[in-house]
Amino acid sequence: MLRQRFALASAVIVSAALIAAILFSSRGLLHLRALAAEQLAINQRIATRLRENQLLRERLHRLRTDDRYLERLAREQLGFVRPGEIVYRFPDRAAPPR
């Protein structure tokens, strides 16, 4: 009877140790779950970067081939005006009158 109890207690202790190792070790299920979440986040960042790269490639292609697009960007960013055009400048509403 004592041997059976000792064998049962030993089996319970070994089983508990194995379950703890499976769950909490450096290669356990919890670590695996954290790695899967990290992989998902990395894959999402990769997809975002791929979309950004595609948009930049399209913009670069337009800059190289589309004169109207290039002209529009120059007008917007540098404030260029065509001859004969009139530029209207309005005071900033947030600025107090002088």
C-alpha atoms as a PDB file:
ATOM      1  CA  MET A   1       0.000   0.000   0.000  1.00  0.00           C
ATOM      2  CA  LEU A   2       2.793   2.435   0.879  1.00  0.00           C
ATOM      3  CA  ARG A   3       4.574   1.651  -2.398  1.00  0.00           C
ATOM      4  CA  GLN A   4       1.417   2.396  -4.368  1.00  0.00           C
ATOM      5  CA  ARG A   5       1.012   5.768  -2.663  1.00  0.00           C
ATOM      6  CA  PHE A   6       4.671   6.573  -3.245  1.00  0.00           C
ATOM      7  CA  ALA A   7       4.348   5.575  -6.922  1.00  0.00           C
ATOM      8  CA  LEU A   8       1.173   7.662  -7.310  1.00  0.00           C
ATOM      9  CA  ALA A   9       2.748  10.685  -5.605  1.00  0.00           C
ATOM     10  CA  SER A  10       5.837  10.326  -7.780  1.00  0.00           C
ATOM     11  CA  ALA A  11       3.698  10.112 -10.919  1.00  0.00           C
ATOM     12  CA  VAL A  12       1.743  13.227  -9.893  1.00  0.00           C
ATOM     13  CA  ILE A  13       4.950  15.179  -9.194  1.00  0.00           C
ATOM     14  CA  VAL A  14       6.559  14.115 -12.476  1.00  0.00           C
ATOM     15  CA  SER A  15       3.353  14.911 -14.393  1.00  0.00           C
ATOM     16  CA  ALA A  16       3.121  18.360 -12.775  1.00  0.00           C
ATOM     17  CA  ALA A  17       6.756  19.057 -13.604  1.00  0.00           C
ATOM     18  CA  LEU A  18       6.235  18.014 -17.223  1.00  0.00           C
ATOM     19  CA  ILE A  19       3.110  20.161 -17.564  1.00  0.00           C
ATOM     20  CA  ALA A  20       4.932  23.138 -16.042  1.00  0.00           C
ATOM     21  CA  ALA A  21       7.844  22.599 -18.434  1.00  0.00           C
ATOM     22  CA  ILE A  22       5.496  22.370 -21.428  1.00  0.00           C
ATOM     23  CA  LEU A  23       3.716  25.587 -20.451  1.00  0.00           C
ATOM     24  CA  PHE A  24       6.423  27.800 -18.955  1.00  0.00           C
ATOM     25  CA  SER A  25       9.790  26.757 -20.395  1.00  0.00           C
ATOM     26  CA  SER A  26      11.726  28.860 -22.898  1.00  0.00           C
ATOM     27  CA  ARG A  27      10.215  26.713 -25.650  1.00  0.00           C
ATOM     28  CA  GLY A  28       6.859  26.271 -23.971  1.00  0.00           C
ATOM     29  CA  LEU A  29       3.363  27.054 -25.151  1.00  0.00           C
ATOM     30  CA  LEU A  30       3.243  30.518 -23.600  1.00  0.00           C
ATOM     31  CA  HIS A  31       6.491  31.484 -25.311  1.00  0.00           C
ATOM     32  CA  LEU A  32       5.193  30.032 -28.572  1.00  0.00           C
ATOM     33  CA  ARG A  33       2.036  32.129 -28.255  1.00  0.00           C
ATOM     34  CA  ALA A  34       4.092  35.297 -27.660  1.00  0.00           C
ATOM     35  CA  LEU A  35       6.239  34.498 -30.706  1.00  0.00           C
ATOM     36  CA  ALA A  36       3.149  34.005 -32.856  1.00  0.00           C
ATOM     37  CA  ALA A  37       1.803  37.414 -31.786  1.00  0.00           C
ATOM     38  CA  GLU A  38       5.176  38.998 -32.531  1.00  0.00           C
ATOM     39  CA  GLN A  39       5.246  37.352 -35.959  1.00  0.00           C
ATOM     40  CA  LEU A  40       1.781  38.703 -36.731  1.00  0.00           C
ATOM     41  CA  ALA A  41       2.874  42.235 -35.778  1.00  0.00           C
ATOM     42  CA  ILE A  42       5.994  41.932 -37.935  1.00  0.00           C
ATOM     43  CA  ASN A  43       3.955  40.651 -40.885  1.00  0.00           C
ATOM     44  CA  GLN A  44       1.604  43.620 -40.530  1.00  0.00           C
ATOM     45  CA  ARG A  45       4.559  46.041 -40.512  1.00  0.00           C
ATOM     46  CA  ILE A  46       5.962  44.322 -43.599  1.00  0.00           C
ATOM     47  CA  ALA A  47       2.624  44.654 -45.407  1.00  0.00           C
ATOM     48  CA  THR A  48       2.485  48.343 -44.495  1.00  0.00           C
ATOM     49  CA  ARG A  49       6.028  48.910 -45.781  1.00  0.00           C
ATOM     50  CA  LEU A  50       5.238  47.059 -49.011  1.00  0.00           C
ATOM     51  CA  ARG A  51       2.214  49.309 -49.605  1.00  0.00           C
ATOM     52  CA  GLU A  52       4.313  52.399 -48.868  1.00  0.00           C
ATOM     53  CA  ASN A  53       7.010  51.183 -51.264  1.00  0.00           C
ATOM     54  CA  GLN A  54       4.448  50.606 -53.990  1.00  0.00           C
ATOM     55  CA  LEU A  55       3.054  54.115 -53.560  1.00  0.00           C
ATOM     56  CA  LEU A  56       6.559  55.561 -53.674  1.00  0.00           C
ATOM     57  CA  ARG A  57       7.358  53.568 -56.836  1.00  0.00           C
ATOM     58  CA  GLU A  58       4.212  54.910 -58.474  1.00  0.00           C
ATOM     59  CA  ARG A  59       5.076  58.460 -57.440  1.00  0.00           C
ATOM     60  CA  LEU A  60       8.626  58.061 -58.737  1.00  0.00           C
ATOM     61  CA  HIS A  61       7.306  56.745 -62.043  1.00  0.00           C
ATOM     62  CA  ARG A  62       4.949  59.727 -62.337  1.00  0.00           C
ATOM     63  CA  LEU A  63       7.782  62.135 -61.498  1.00  0.00           C
ATOM     64  CA  ARG A  64       9.888  60.614 -64.271  1.00  0.00           C
ATOM     65  CA  THR A  65       7.194  60.392 -66.931  1.00  0.00           C
ATOM     66  CA  ASP A  66       4.290  62.763 -66.179  1.00  0.00           C
ATOM     67  CA  ASP A  67       5.152  66.411 -66.806  1.00  0.00           C
ATOM     68  CA  ARG A  68       1.774  67.651 -65.566  1.00  0.00           C
ATOM     69  CA  TYR A  69       2.241  65.858 -62.258  1.00  0.00           C
ATOM     70  CA  LEU A  70       5.721  67.349 -61.905  1.00  0.00           C
ATOM     71  CA  GLU A  71       4.387  70.814 -62.728  1.00  0.00           C
ATOM     72  CA  ARG A  72       1.576  70.472 -60.186  1.00  0.00           C
ATOM     73  CA  LEU A  73       4.028  69.456 -57.465  1.00  0.00           C
ATOM     74  CA  ALA A  74       6.314  72.364 -58.289  1.00  0.00           C
ATOM     75  CA  ARG A  75       3.403  74.785 -58.151  1.00  0.00           C
ATOM     76  CA  GLU A  76       2.178  73.402 -54.823  1.00  0.00           C
ATOM     77  CA  GLN A  77       5.530  73.130 -53.087  1.00  0.00           C
ATOM     78  CA  LEU A  78       7.411  76.093 -54.528  1.00  0.00           C
ATOM     79  CA  GLY A  79       4.556  78.485 -55.131  1.00  0.00           C
ATOM     80  CA  PHE A  80       5.262  78.894 -58.848  1.00  0.00           C
ATOM     81  CA  VAL A  81       2.851  80.955 -60.911  1.00  0.00           C
ATOM     82  CA  ARG A  82       2.352  80.868 -64.660  1.00  0.00           C
ATOM     83  CA  PRO A  83       2.755  84.106 -66.634  1.00  0.00           C
ATOM     84  CA  GLY A  84      -0.491  86.051 -66.682  1.00  0.00           C
ATOM     85  CA  GLU A  85      -1.883  84.354 -63.582  1.00  0.00           C
ATOM     86  CA  ILE A  86      -2.979  86.450 -60.638  1.00  0.00           C
ATOM     87  CA  VAL A  87      -2.206  85.255 -57.135  1.00  0.00           C
ATOM     88  CA  TYR A  88      -4.592  86.230 -54.373  1.00  0.00           C
ATOM     89  CA  ARG A  89      -3.205  86.088 -50.849  1.00  0.00           C
ATOM     90  CA  PHE A  90      -5.559  86.343 -47.933  1.00  0.00           C
ATOM     91  CA  PRO A  91      -4.453  87.167 -44.408  1.00  0.00           C
ATOM     92  CA  ASP A  92      -4.467  84.369 -41.911  1.00  0.00           C
ATOM     93  CA  ARG A  93      -7.688  84.449 -39.905  1.00  0.00           C
ATOM     94  CA  ALA A  94      -5.872  83.322 -36.776  1.00  0.00           C
ATOM     95  CA  ALA A  95      -3.456  86.263 -36.916  1.00  0.00           C
ATOM     96  CA  PRO A  96      -4.641  89.454 -35.194  1.00  0.00           C
ATOM     97  CA  PRO A  97      -5.060  92.512 -37.450  1.00  0.00           C
ATOM     98  CA  ARG A  98      -2.171  94.983 -37.455  1.00  0.00           C
END
